[in-house]
Amino acid sequence: MKKKQVILSYAGIALGTFLLALGIVLFLNPAKLSPGGISSLATILYHLFGVKLSITNLVVNGALFLLGFRFLTRATFIRTVVGVLSLSLFFELATLIPVVVIEDQLVSSALGGLLVGAGVGLVIRCGGSTGGSDLAALMLHRLIPYISVPIMIMIIDCTIITVSGIVFKSLSVAFYSVLSLAVSTKVASFVCTVGDTAKSVFILSSEHQAITERILSEFERGVTGIDSHGMYSGKDRLMLLSVVSPKQLPRLVKMVKEIDRHAFIIVSDAREVLGEGFKNTPTA
């Protein structure tokens, strides 16, 4: 992996943990709302015993590392350590910012969830992690393999949020915590995939060779020929598959119709594309 890409990925992890810390310290923690994971536990301990968010984050994740480091690859371990340490650092720095108390828990949950989701999404997009429920879920999955990791994470988060509602004796705390978790999950998913969407284009045409040459030369995209059989016509045909960016799609369709106005074209969304010409995953 190029040095520039490595630097950018770690910078992205740092920025993501900064946004995550802001969302929790400025919006969720003051309203006693739990965003899920270790941060939820940190919120509970802060309000009950005054334990700093950064301390809980370091201690709990440190314990999880000791128990589950063997489940992580070297690259994942390093990036997770960076994520945990930077999050604790930004927890401390964020406390220096004056907190404006927001009376409306709906506003607090929405704004906090937005920042937390943006932060988590950016960290994941850069190949990092902040530990917590992700690592705990990975370890529990080894013990209970028939429950998937995403489901395990959801179970852990929902359990901690439920405990939060019981501890603070407030149904509204539990409700708005779930709402915040839903917002953050949606935003994180969007941040992880934004810019990576593409269009899969399937083309059936007797002029497949001419179309292939135009795609290769004008669009600089790969083309795959797939043997197909028309059940109505009973004829064997070659179907072309190419993945292009959304901006290239209208021009590609126009080009195909210029060559063969009877061509049959199928377009579908490709949520994430990895490889040459698209996104490359960080490896170090």
C-alpha atoms as a PDB file:
ATOM      1  CA  MET A   1       0.000   0.000   0.000  1.00  0.00           C
ATOM      2  CA  LYS A   2       1.359   3.417  -0.910  1.00  0.00           C
ATOM      3  CA  LYS A   3       2.644   5.646   1.883  1.00  0.00           C
ATOM      4  CA  LYS A   4       0.208   8.414   0.923  1.00  0.00           C
ATOM      5  CA  GLN A   5      -2.761   6.032   1.178  1.00  0.00           C
ATOM      6  CA  VAL A   6      -1.587   4.828   4.595  1.00  0.00           C
ATOM      7  CA  ILE A   7      -1.291   8.413   5.866  1.00  0.00           C
ATOM      8  CA  LEU A   8      -4.738   9.307   4.497  1.00  0.00           C
ATOM      9  CA  SER A   9      -6.316   6.235   6.078  1.00  0.00           C
ATOM     10  CA  TYR A  10      -4.919   7.041   9.525  1.00  0.00           C
ATOM     11  CA  ALA A  11      -5.927  10.683   9.109  1.00  0.00           C
ATOM     12  CA  GLY A  12      -9.438   9.471   8.275  1.00  0.00           C
ATOM     13  CA  ILE A  13      -9.506   7.315  11.415  1.00  0.00           C
ATOM     14  CA  ALA A  14      -8.425  10.317  13.495  1.00  0.00           C
ATOM     15  CA  LEU A  15     -11.097  12.556  11.941  1.00  0.00           C
ATOM     16  CA  GLY A  16     -13.733   9.853  12.406  1.00  0.00           C
ATOM     17  CA  THR A  17     -12.946   9.387  16.110  1.00  0.00           C
ATOM     18  CA  PHE A  18     -12.997  13.181  16.529  1.00  0.00           C
ATOM     19  CA  LEU A  19     -16.540  13.375  15.117  1.00  0.00           C
ATOM     20  CA  LEU A  20     -17.552  10.389  17.229  1.00  0.00           C
ATOM     21  CA  ALA A  21     -16.217  12.048  20.386  1.00  0.00           C
ATOM     22  CA  LEU A  22     -18.013  15.315  19.588  1.00  0.00           C
ATOM     23  CA  GLY A  23     -21.329  13.548  19.088  1.00  0.00           C
ATOM     24  CA  ILE A  24     -21.100  11.757  22.410  1.00  0.00           C
ATOM     25  CA  VAL A  25     -19.598  14.522  24.572  1.00  0.00           C
ATOM     26  CA  LEU A  26     -21.644  17.437  23.227  1.00  0.00           C
ATOM     27  CA  PHE A  27     -25.024  15.839  22.553  1.00  0.00           C
ATOM     28  CA  LEU A  28     -25.567  12.292  23.814  1.00  0.00           C
ATOM     29  CA  ASN A  29     -23.763  12.178  27.159  1.00  0.00           C
ATOM     30  CA  PRO A  30     -25.342  15.396  28.545  1.00  0.00           C
ATOM     31  CA  ALA A  31     -28.791  13.956  27.766  1.00  0.00           C
ATOM     32  CA  LYS A  32     -27.822  10.555  29.301  1.00  0.00           C
ATOM     33  CA  LEU A  33     -28.386   8.932  25.905  1.00  0.00           C
ATOM     34  CA  SER A  34     -26.472   5.775  25.019  1.00  0.00           C
ATOM     35  CA  PRO A  35     -25.109   5.429  21.467  1.00  0.00           C
ATOM     36  CA  GLY A  36     -24.410   1.691  21.800  1.00  0.00           C
ATOM     37  CA  GLY A  37     -21.237  -0.250  22.495  1.00  0.00           C
ATOM     38  CA  ILE A  38     -18.572   0.774  25.005  1.00  0.00           C
ATOM     39  CA  SER A  39     -19.684   4.402  24.740  1.00  0.00           C
ATOM     40  CA  SER A  40     -23.019   3.415  26.296  1.00  0.00           C
ATOM     41  CA  LEU A  41     -21.262   1.793  29.218  1.00  0.00           C
ATOM     42  CA  ALA A  42     -19.045   4.877  29.516  1.00  0.00           C
ATOM     43  CA  THR A  43     -22.127   7.119  29.649  1.00  0.00           C
ATOM     44  CA  ILE A  44     -23.659   5.051  32.454  1.00  0.00           C
ATOM     45  CA  LEU A  45     -20.455   5.041  34.526  1.00  0.00           C
ATOM     46  CA  TYR A  46     -19.969   8.764  33.968  1.00  0.00           C
ATOM     47  CA  HIS A  47     -23.378   9.702  35.332  1.00  0.00           C
ATOM     48  CA  LEU A  48     -23.334   7.169  38.195  1.00  0.00           C
ATOM     49  CA  PHE A  49     -19.750   7.475  39.432  1.00  0.00           C
ATOM     50  CA  GLY A  50     -18.184  10.359  37.512  1.00  0.00           C
ATOM     51  CA  VAL A  51     -15.756   8.091  35.626  1.00  0.00           C
ATOM     52  CA  LYS A  52     -14.315   9.857  32.581  1.00  0.00           C
ATOM     53  CA  LEU A  53     -15.431   8.602  29.179  1.00  0.00           C
ATOM     54  CA  SER A  54     -11.812   8.262  28.071  1.00  0.00           C
ATOM     55  CA  ILE A  55     -10.916   6.064  31.052  1.00  0.00           C
ATOM     56  CA  THR A  56     -13.809   3.650  30.495  1.00  0.00           C
ATOM     57  CA  ASN A  57     -12.961   3.490  26.786  1.00  0.00           C
ATOM     58  CA  LEU A  58      -9.317   2.600  27.488  1.00  0.00           C
ATOM     59  CA  VAL A  59      -9.926   0.141  30.324  1.00  0.00           C
ATOM     60  CA  VAL A  60     -12.757  -1.838  28.723  1.00  0.00           C
ATOM     61  CA  ASN A  61     -11.141  -1.966  25.296  1.00  0.00           C
ATOM     62  CA  GLY A  62      -7.824  -2.902  26.906  1.00  0.00           C
ATOM     63  CA  ALA A  63      -9.511  -5.862  28.591  1.00  0.00           C
ATOM     64  CA  LEU A  64     -11.153  -6.871  25.300  1.00  0.00           C
ATOM     65  CA  PHE A  65      -7.784  -6.692  23.530  1.00  0.00           C
ATOM     66  CA  LEU A  66      -6.207  -9.018  26.080  1.00  0.00           C
ATOM     67  CA  LEU A  67      -9.019 -11.517  25.577  1.00  0.00           C
ATOM     68  CA  GLY A  68      -9.418 -11.253  21.826  1.00  0.00           C
ATOM     69  CA  PHE A  69      -6.207 -10.018  20.201  1.00  0.00           C
ATOM     70  CA  ARG A  70      -5.619 -13.447  18.654  1.00  0.00           C
ATOM     71  CA  PHE A  71      -8.771 -13.001  16.575  1.00  0.00           C
ATOM     72  CA  LEU A  72      -7.349  -9.899  14.848  1.00  0.00           C
ATOM     73  CA  THR A  73      -4.893  -9.620  11.978  1.00  0.00           C
ATOM     74  CA  ARG A  74      -1.831  -7.449  12.471  1.00  0.00           C
ATOM     75  CA  ALA A  75      -3.222  -4.617  10.315  1.00  0.00           C
ATOM     76  CA  THR A  76      -6.628  -4.720  12.030  1.00  0.00           C
ATOM     77  CA  PHE A  77      -4.996  -4.786  15.465  1.00  0.00           C
ATOM     78  CA  ILE A  78      -2.861  -1.709  14.725  1.00  0.00           C
ATOM     79  CA  ARG A  79      -5.756   0.274  13.265  1.00  0.00           C
ATOM     80  CA  THR A  80      -8.025  -0.676  16.166  1.00  0.00           C
ATOM     81  CA  VAL A  81      -5.417   0.420  18.705  1.00  0.00           C
ATOM     82  CA  VAL A  82      -5.073   3.731  16.854  1.00  0.00           C
ATOM     83  CA  GLY A  83      -8.864   4.124  16.839  1.00  0.00           C
ATOM     84  CA  VAL A  84      -9.217   3.405  20.570  1.00  0.00           C
ATOM     85  CA  LEU A  85      -6.357   5.705  21.600  1.00  0.00           C
ATOM     86  CA  SER A  86      -7.452   8.584  19.370  1.00  0.00           C
ATOM     87  CA  LEU A  87     -11.050   8.276  20.593  1.00  0.00           C
ATOM     88  CA  SER A  88      -9.916   8.510  24.219  1.00  0.00           C
ATOM     89  CA  LEU A  89      -7.748  11.521  23.359  1.00  0.00           C
ATOM     90  CA  PHE A  90     -10.634  13.292  21.633  1.00  0.00           C
ATOM     91  CA  PHE A  91     -12.950  12.453  24.538  1.00  0.00           C
ATOM     92  CA  GLU A  92     -10.623  14.509  26.725  1.00  0.00           C
ATOM     93  CA  LEU A  93     -10.255  17.358  24.218  1.00  0.00           C
ATOM     94  CA  ALA A  94     -13.999  17.521  23.545  1.00  0.00           C
ATOM     95  CA  THR A  95     -14.670  18.112  27.259  1.00  0.00           C
ATOM     96  CA  LEU A  96     -12.866  21.452  26.875  1.00  0.00           C
ATOM     97  CA  ILE A  97     -15.644  22.649  24.554  1.00  0.00           C
ATOM     98  CA  PRO A  98     -18.479  24.397  26.427  1.00  0.00           C
ATOM     99  CA  VAL A  99     -21.590  22.217  26.316  1.00  0.00           C
ATOM    100  CA  VAL A 100     -24.870  23.891  25.390  1.00  0.00           C
ATOM    101  CA  VAL A 101     -27.569  21.932  27.204  1.00  0.00           C
ATOM    102  CA  ILE A 102     -30.347  20.943  24.807  1.00  0.00           C
ATOM    103  CA  GLU A 103     -33.625  20.329  26.587  1.00  0.00           C
ATOM    104  CA  ASP A 104     -35.196  18.413  23.705  1.00  0.00           C
ATOM    105  CA  GLN A 105     -33.937  14.817  23.767  1.00  0.00           C
ATOM    106  CA  LEU A 106     -35.111  14.312  20.187  1.00  0.00           C
ATOM    107  CA  VAL A 107     -32.718  17.015  18.978  1.00  0.00           C
ATOM    108  CA  SER A 108     -29.881  15.608  21.106  1.00  0.00           C
ATOM    109  CA  SER A 109     -30.421  12.061  19.813  1.00  0.00           C
ATOM    110  CA  ALA A 110     -30.625  13.190  16.177  1.00  0.00           C
ATOM    111  CA  LEU A 111     -27.563  15.477  16.242  1.00  0.00           C
ATOM    112  CA  GLY A 112     -25.561  13.042  18.350  1.00  0.00           C
ATOM    113  CA  GLY A 113     -26.511  10.115  16.129  1.00  0.00           C
ATOM    114  CA  LEU A 114     -25.568  12.106  13.037  1.00  0.00           C
ATOM    115  CA  LEU A 115     -22.063  12.880  14.326  1.00  0.00           C
ATOM    116  CA  VAL A 116     -21.521   9.409  15.757  1.00  0.00           C
ATOM    117  CA  GLY A 117     -22.642   7.785  12.510  1.00  0.00           C
ATOM    118  CA  ALA A 118     -20.423  10.034  10.412  1.00  0.00           C
ATOM    119  CA  GLY A 119     -17.479   9.268  12.681  1.00  0.00           C
ATOM    120  CA  VAL A 120     -18.002   5.511  12.788  1.00  0.00           C
ATOM    121  CA  GLY A 121     -18.598   5.367   9.032  1.00  0.00           C
ATOM    122  CA  LEU A 122     -15.385   7.259   8.321  1.00  0.00           C
ATOM    123  CA  VAL A 123     -13.374   5.025  10.655  1.00  0.00           C
ATOM    124  CA  ILE A 124     -14.746   1.869   9.011  1.00  0.00           C
ATOM    125  CA  ARG A 125     -14.242   3.301   5.515  1.00  0.00           C
ATOM    126  CA  CYS A 126     -10.564   3.849   6.356  1.00  0.00           C
ATOM    127  CA  GLY A 127     -10.196   0.253   7.533  1.00  0.00           C
ATOM    128  CA  GLY A 128     -10.195   1.094  11.237  1.00  0.00           C
ATOM    129  CA  SER A 129     -12.239   0.256  14.305  1.00  0.00           C
ATOM    130  CA  THR A 130     -12.884   1.689  17.743  1.00  0.00           C
ATOM    131  CA  GLY A 131     -13.054  -1.747  19.364  1.00  0.00           C
ATOM    132  CA  GLY A 132     -15.958  -2.132  21.751  1.00  0.00           C
ATOM    133  CA  SER A 133     -18.955  -4.168  20.688  1.00  0.00           C
ATOM    134  CA  ASP A 134     -17.295  -5.101  17.370  1.00  0.00           C
ATOM    135  CA  LEU A 135     -14.487  -6.963  19.138  1.00  0.00           C
ATOM    136  CA  ALA A 136     -16.810  -8.393  21.783  1.00  0.00           C
ATOM    137  CA  ALA A 137     -19.156  -9.664  19.076  1.00  0.00           C
ATOM    138  CA  LEU A 138     -16.246 -11.287  17.224  1.00  0.00           C
ATOM    139  CA  MET A 139     -15.222 -13.186  20.364  1.00  0.00           C
ATOM    140  CA  LEU A 140     -18.779 -14.240  21.211  1.00  0.00           C
ATOM    141  CA  HIS A 141     -19.288 -15.406  17.621  1.00  0.00           C
ATOM    142  CA  ARG A 142     -16.456 -17.887  18.149  1.00  0.00           C
ATOM    143  CA  LEU A 143     -18.339 -19.293  21.140  1.00  0.00           C
ATOM    144  CA  ILE A 144     -21.787 -19.125  19.497  1.00  0.00           C
ATOM    145  CA  PRO A 145     -21.036 -19.540  15.753  1.00  0.00           C
ATOM    146  CA  TYR A 146     -24.686 -19.882  14.689  1.00  0.00           C
ATOM    147  CA  ILE A 147     -25.284 -16.203  15.517  1.00  0.00           C
ATOM    148  CA  SER A 148     -23.689 -13.865  12.960  1.00  0.00           C
ATOM    149  CA  VAL A 149     -21.383 -11.022  14.008  1.00  0.00           C
ATOM    150  CA  PRO A 150     -23.800  -8.213  12.912  1.00  0.00           C
ATOM    151  CA  ILE A 151     -26.640  -9.828  14.886  1.00  0.00           C
ATOM    152  CA  MET A 152     -24.318 -10.234  17.868  1.00  0.00           C
ATOM    153  CA  ILE A 153     -23.381  -6.534  17.721  1.00  0.00           C
ATOM    154  CA  MET A 154     -27.070  -5.596  17.623  1.00  0.00           C
ATOM    155  CA  ILE A 155     -27.780  -7.815  20.638  1.00  0.00           C
ATOM    156  CA  ILE A 156     -24.924  -6.263  22.630  1.00  0.00           C
ATOM    157  CA  ASP A 157     -25.938  -2.698  21.757  1.00  0.00           C
ATOM    158  CA  CYS A 158     -29.616  -3.275  22.521  1.00  0.00           C
ATOM    159  CA  THR A 159     -28.741  -4.975  25.828  1.00  0.00           C
ATOM    160  CA  ILE A 160     -26.570  -2.062  26.952  1.00  0.00           C
ATOM    161  CA  ILE A 161     -29.203   0.484  25.905  1.00  0.00           C
ATOM    162  CA  THR A 162     -31.858  -1.452  27.831  1.00  0.00           C
ATOM    163  CA  VAL A 163     -29.610  -1.458  30.895  1.00  0.00           C
ATOM    164  CA  SER A 164     -29.137   2.290  30.416  1.00  0.00           C
ATOM    165  CA  GLY A 165     -32.897   2.863  30.492  1.00  0.00           C
ATOM    166  CA  ILE A 166     -33.200   0.757  33.657  1.00  0.00           C
ATOM    167  CA  VAL A 167     -30.285   2.495  35.406  1.00  0.00           C
ATOM    168  CA  PHE A 168     -31.604   5.971  34.646  1.00  0.00           C
ATOM    169  CA  LYS A 169     -35.183   4.805  35.310  1.00  0.00           C
ATOM    170  CA  SER A 170     -36.370   6.498  32.150  1.00  0.00           C
ATOM    171  CA  LEU A 171     -38.259   5.040  29.213  1.00  0.00           C
ATOM    172  CA  SER A 172     -37.503   8.171  27.197  1.00  0.00           C
ATOM    173  CA  VAL A 173     -33.755   7.613  27.668  1.00  0.00           C
ATOM    174  CA  ALA A 174     -34.067   4.099  26.257  1.00  0.00           C
ATOM    175  CA  PHE A 175     -36.324   5.248  23.413  1.00  0.00           C
ATOM    176  CA  TYR A 176     -34.138   8.146  22.300  1.00  0.00           C
ATOM    177  CA  SER A 177     -31.011   6.016  22.695  1.00  0.00           C
ATOM    178  CA  VAL A 178     -32.490   3.504  20.238  1.00  0.00           C
ATOM    179  CA  LEU A 179     -33.413   6.387  17.938  1.00  0.00           C
ATOM    180  CA  SER A 180     -29.854   7.726  18.130  1.00  0.00           C
ATOM    181  CA  LEU A 181     -28.468   4.249  17.385  1.00  0.00           C
ATOM    182  CA  ALA A 182     -30.773   3.955  14.352  1.00  0.00           C
ATOM    183  CA  VAL A 183     -29.670   7.363  13.033  1.00  0.00           C
ATOM    184  CA  SER A 184     -25.984   6.613  13.565  1.00  0.00           C
ATOM    185  CA  THR A 185     -26.288   3.204  11.880  1.00  0.00           C
ATOM    186  CA  LYS A 186     -27.982   4.702   8.824  1.00  0.00           C
ATOM    187  CA  VAL A 187     -25.465   7.549   8.542  1.00  0.00           C
ATOM    188  CA  ALA A 188     -22.508   5.182   9.043  1.00  0.00           C
ATOM    189  CA  SER A 189     -23.798   2.932   6.271  1.00  0.00           C
ATOM    190  CA  PHE A 190     -24.134   5.926   3.950  1.00  0.00           C
ATOM    191  CA  VAL A 191     -20.629   7.219   4.723  1.00  0.00           C
ATOM    192  CA  CYS A 192     -19.155   3.761   4.168  1.00  0.00           C
ATOM    193  CA  THR A 193     -20.614   3.450   0.669  1.00  0.00           C
ATOM    194  CA  VAL A 194     -20.945   7.023  -0.635  1.00  0.00           C
ATOM    195  CA  GLY A 195     -18.912   7.511  -3.781  1.00  0.00           C
ATOM    196  CA  ASP A 196     -18.483   3.744  -4.230  1.00  0.00           C
ATOM    197  CA  THR A 197     -21.779   3.058  -5.967  1.00  0.00           C
ATOM    198  CA  ALA A 198     -21.618   2.019  -9.584  1.00  0.00           C
ATOM    199  CA  LYS A 199     -23.872   0.597 -12.274  1.00  0.00           C
ATOM    200  CA  SER A 200     -23.759  -2.974 -13.529  1.00  0.00           C
ATOM    201  CA  VAL A 201     -24.766  -3.053 -17.187  1.00  0.00           C
ATOM    202  CA  PHE A 202     -25.792  -6.268 -18.958  1.00  0.00           C
ATOM    203  CA  ILE A 203     -26.000  -6.007 -22.748  1.00  0.00           C
ATOM    204  CA  LEU A 204     -27.474  -8.498 -25.210  1.00  0.00           C
ATOM    205  CA  SER A 205     -26.630  -7.603 -28.800  1.00  0.00           C
ATOM    206  CA  SER A 206     -25.536  -9.220 -32.032  1.00  0.00           C
ATOM    207  CA  GLU A 207     -22.960  -6.400 -32.266  1.00  0.00           C
ATOM    208  CA  HIS A 208     -21.200  -7.413 -29.069  1.00  0.00           C
ATOM    209  CA  GLN A 209     -17.698  -7.148 -30.517  1.00  0.00           C
ATOM    210  CA  ALA A 210     -18.172  -3.549 -31.696  1.00  0.00           C
ATOM    211  CA  ILE A 211     -19.747  -2.585 -28.368  1.00  0.00           C
ATOM    212  CA  THR A 212     -16.892  -4.218 -26.443  1.00  0.00           C
ATOM    213  CA  GLU A 213     -14.267  -2.296 -28.398  1.00  0.00           C
ATOM    214  CA  ARG A 214     -16.043   1.026 -27.751  1.00  0.00           C
ATOM    215  CA  ILE A 215     -16.358   0.342 -24.010  1.00  0.00           C
ATOM    216  CA  LEU A 216     -12.681  -0.583 -23.725  1.00  0.00           C
ATOM    217  CA  SER A 217     -11.440   2.415 -25.713  1.00  0.00           C
ATOM    218  CA  GLU A 218     -13.890   5.189 -24.789  1.00  0.00           C
ATOM    219  CA  PHE A 219     -14.890   4.288 -21.227  1.00  0.00           C
ATOM    220  CA  GLU A 220     -11.729   2.461 -20.117  1.00  0.00           C
ATOM    221  CA  ARG A 221     -13.825  -0.107 -18.299  1.00  0.00           C
ATOM    222  CA  GLY A 222     -13.509  -3.865 -18.375  1.00  0.00           C
ATOM    223  CA  VAL A 223     -16.011  -6.049 -20.216  1.00  0.00           C
ATOM    224  CA  THR A 224     -16.880  -9.675 -19.484  1.00  0.00           C
ATOM    225  CA  GLY A 225     -18.555 -11.965 -22.002  1.00  0.00           C
ATOM    226  CA  ILE A 226     -21.099 -14.370 -20.495  1.00  0.00           C
ATOM    227  CA  ASP A 227     -22.473 -17.289 -22.489  1.00  0.00           C
ATOM    228  CA  SER A 228     -26.274 -17.206 -22.434  1.00  0.00           C
ATOM    229  CA  HIS A 229     -29.134 -19.116 -24.007  1.00  0.00           C
ATOM    230  CA  GLY A 230     -32.387 -17.521 -25.151  1.00  0.00           C
ATOM    231  CA  MET A 231     -35.220 -19.767 -23.951  1.00  0.00           C
ATOM    232  CA  TYR A 232     -37.725 -18.241 -26.405  1.00  0.00           C
ATOM    233  CA  SER A 233     -35.472 -18.108 -29.470  1.00  0.00           C
ATOM    234  CA  GLY A 234     -33.495 -21.230 -28.549  1.00  0.00           C
ATOM    235  CA  LYS A 235     -30.286 -19.456 -29.641  1.00  0.00           C
ATOM    236  CA  ASP A 236     -26.948 -19.206 -27.848  1.00  0.00           C
ATOM    237  CA  ARG A 237     -25.769 -15.616 -27.425  1.00  0.00           C
ATOM    238  CA  LEU A 238     -22.990 -13.700 -25.731  1.00  0.00           C
ATOM    239  CA  MET A 239     -24.080 -11.296 -23.015  1.00  0.00           C
ATOM    240  CA  LEU A 240     -21.745  -8.471 -22.051  1.00  0.00           C
ATOM    241  CA  LEU A 241     -21.242  -7.304 -18.483  1.00  0.00           C
ATOM    242  CA  SER A 242     -19.542  -4.022 -17.633  1.00  0.00           C
ATOM    243  CA  VAL A 243     -19.448  -1.908 -14.470  1.00  0.00           C
ATOM    244  CA  VAL A 244     -19.396   1.858 -14.962  1.00  0.00           C
ATOM    245  CA  SER A 245     -19.847   4.965 -12.853  1.00  0.00           C
ATOM    246  CA  PRO A 246     -23.319   6.577 -12.675  1.00  0.00           C
ATOM    247  CA  LYS A 247     -22.033   9.521 -14.729  1.00  0.00           C
ATOM    248  CA  GLN A 248     -20.904   7.205 -17.528  1.00  0.00           C
ATOM    249  CA  LEU A 249     -24.184   5.297 -17.740  1.00  0.00           C
ATOM    250  CA  PRO A 250     -26.211   7.660 -20.009  1.00  0.00           C
ATOM    251  CA  ARG A 251     -23.320   7.926 -22.461  1.00  0.00           C
ATOM    252  CA  LEU A 252     -22.849   4.154 -22.467  1.00  0.00           C
ATOM    253  CA  VAL A 253     -26.536   3.466 -23.160  1.00  0.00           C
ATOM    254  CA  LYS A 254     -26.527   6.034 -25.971  1.00  0.00           C
ATOM    255  CA  MET A 255     -23.430   4.467 -27.498  1.00  0.00           C
ATOM    256  CA  VAL A 256     -24.935   0.953 -27.404  1.00  0.00           C
ATOM    257  CA  LYS A 257     -28.168   2.137 -29.035  1.00  0.00           C
ATOM    258  CA  GLU A 258     -26.189   3.903 -31.764  1.00  0.00           C
ATOM    259  CA  ILE A 259     -24.485   0.618 -32.640  1.00  0.00           C
ATOM    260  CA  ASP A 260     -27.548  -1.592 -32.211  1.00  0.00           C
ATOM    261  CA  ARG A 261     -30.930   0.013 -31.627  1.00  0.00           C
ATOM    262  CA  HIS A 262     -32.397  -3.435 -30.896  1.00  0.00           C
ATOM    263  CA  ALA A 263     -29.897  -4.168 -28.103  1.00  0.00           C
ATOM    264  CA  PHE A 264     -31.389  -5.369 -24.822  1.00  0.00           C
ATOM    265  CA  ILE A 265     -29.868  -3.561 -21.823  1.00  0.00           C
ATOM    266  CA  ILE A 266     -30.267  -4.328 -18.123  1.00  0.00           C
ATOM    267  CA  VAL A 267     -28.973  -1.832 -15.541  1.00  0.00           C
ATOM    268  CA  SER A 268     -28.667  -2.554 -11.810  1.00  0.00           C
ATOM    269  CA  ASP A 269     -27.038  -0.856  -8.833  1.00  0.00           C
ATOM    270  CA  ALA A 270     -23.679  -2.098  -7.582  1.00  0.00           C
ATOM    271  CA  ARG A 271     -23.502  -0.941  -3.965  1.00  0.00           C
ATOM    272  CA  GLU A 272     -19.747  -1.349  -3.660  1.00  0.00           C
ATOM    273  CA  VAL A 273     -17.089  -2.166  -6.252  1.00  0.00           C
ATOM    274  CA  LEU A 274     -13.543  -3.137  -5.347  1.00  0.00           C
ATOM    275  CA  GLY A 275     -10.733  -3.373  -7.876  1.00  0.00           C
ATOM    276  CA  GLU A 276      -8.974  -1.474 -10.599  1.00  0.00           C
ATOM    277  CA  GLY A 277     -10.741   1.739 -11.521  1.00  0.00           C
ATOM    278  CA  PHE A 278     -12.796   1.691  -8.333  1.00  0.00           C
ATOM    279  CA  LYS A 279     -12.071   1.551  -4.580  1.00  0.00           C
ATOM    280  CA  ASN A 280      -9.126  -0.382  -3.220  1.00  0.00           C
ATOM    281  CA  THR A 281      -9.328  -1.656   0.354  1.00  0.00           C
ATOM    282  CA  PRO A 282      -6.532  -0.591   2.726  1.00  0.00           C
ATOM    283  CA  THR A 283      -4.163  -3.436   3.559  1.00  0.00           C
ATOM    284  CA  ALA A 284      -1.736  -1.922   6.073  1.00  0.00           C
END
